Structures are given as C-alpha cells and as structure tokens.
Amino acid sequence: MKKITTFLIGLTAPFYFAQQAGDLVSAEQKLDLTRRSCQFHCQ
C-alpha cells in the first residue's frame, strides 16, 4: 500500500509544483504589467 502512495505522490508532485511555479510566474507578470502601466501613466 505504501509503495502505491509513494508512486502516486511521485507522479503528482511535479505537476503540483509546476502549477505553483506557473501561478507565481503569472502573478509576477501581472505585477510587472501593473508596474509598467503605472510608470507609463505617472510620467
């Protein structure tokens, strides 16, 4: 039983972390976009 669980965790972990990383990247891009538009409008 334990082997199956470890196997499943091994399979799902990369996807989970990839999703987390993707969320982080998109969040940073949104921040960057808002920062740029702010600089553009504030000048």
C-alpha atoms as a PDB file:
ATOM      1  CA  MET A   1       0.000   0.000   0.000  1.00  0.00           C
ATOM      2  CA  LYS A   2       2.763   2.390   0.930  1.00  0.00           C
ATOM      3  CA  LYS A   3       4.509   1.879  -2.412  1.00  0.00           C
ATOM      4  CA  ILE A   4       1.379   2.879  -4.331  1.00  0.00           C
ATOM      5  CA  THR A   5       1.026   6.063  -2.281  1.00  0.00           C
ATOM      6  CA  THR A   6       4.664   6.998  -2.814  1.00  0.00           C
ATOM      7  CA  PHE A   7       4.283   6.270  -6.517  1.00  0.00           C
ATOM      8  CA  LEU A   8       1.194   8.493  -6.739  1.00  0.00           C
ATOM      9  CA  ILE A   9       2.895  11.297  -4.820  1.00  0.00           C
ATOM     10  CA  GLY A  10       5.903  10.958  -7.113  1.00  0.00           C
ATOM     11  CA  LEU A  11       3.617  11.321 -10.118  1.00  0.00           C
ATOM     12  CA  THR A  12       1.527  14.215  -8.861  1.00  0.00           C
ATOM     13  CA  ALA A  13       4.223  16.257  -7.087  1.00  0.00           C
ATOM     14  CA  PRO A  14       5.920  17.553 -10.275  1.00  0.00           C
ATOM     15  CA  PHE A  15       2.568  18.647 -11.692  1.00  0.00           C
ATOM     16  CA  TYR A  16       1.658  20.318  -8.403  1.00  0.00           C
ATOM     17  CA  PHE A  17       4.946  22.172  -8.183  1.00  0.00           C
ATOM     18  CA  ALA A  18       4.795  23.111 -11.850  1.00  0.00           C
ATOM     19  CA  GLN A  19       1.358  24.604 -11.267  1.00  0.00           C
ATOM     20  CA  GLN A  20       2.599  26.504  -8.215  1.00  0.00           C
ATOM     21  CA  ALA A  21       5.549  27.837 -10.215  1.00  0.00           C
ATOM     22  CA  GLY A  22       3.229  28.821 -13.064  1.00  0.00           C
ATOM     23  CA  ASP A  23       0.985  30.684 -10.642  1.00  0.00           C
ATOM     24  CA  LEU A  24       3.997  32.517  -9.247  1.00  0.00           C
ATOM     25  CA  VAL A  25       5.233  33.457 -12.697  1.00  0.00           C
ATOM     26  CA  SER A  26       1.840  34.738 -13.847  1.00  0.00           C
ATOM     27  CA  ALA A  27       1.467  36.704 -10.601  1.00  0.00           C
ATOM     28  CA  GLU A  28       4.865  38.302 -11.155  1.00  0.00           C
ATOM     29  CA  GLN A  29       3.979  39.116 -14.756  1.00  0.00           C
ATOM     30  CA  LYS A  30       0.748  40.791 -13.618  1.00  0.00           C
ATOM     31  CA  LEU A  31       2.698  42.805 -11.084  1.00  0.00           C
ATOM     32  CA  ASP A  32       5.211  43.754 -13.751  1.00  0.00           C
ATOM     33  CA  LEU A  33       2.419  44.819 -16.101  1.00  0.00           C
ATOM     34  CA  THR A  34       0.738  46.974 -13.467  1.00  0.00           C
ATOM     35  CA  ARG A  35       4.085  48.491 -12.528  1.00  0.00           C
ATOM     36  CA  ARG A  36       4.823  49.325 -16.165  1.00  0.00           C
ATOM     37  CA  SER A  37       1.433  50.875 -16.798  1.00  0.00           C
ATOM     38  CA  CYS A  38       1.824  52.859 -13.577  1.00  0.00           C
ATOM     39  CA  GLN A  39       5.200  54.213 -14.703  1.00  0.00           C
ATOM     40  CA  PHE A  40       3.712  54.977 -18.114  1.00  0.00           C
ATOM     41  CA  HIS A  41       0.769  56.899 -16.659  1.00  0.00           C
ATOM     42  CA  CYS A  42       2.681  58.546 -13.830  1.00  0.00           C
ATOM     43  CA  GLN A  43       5.291  60.207 -16.048  1.00  0.00           C
END
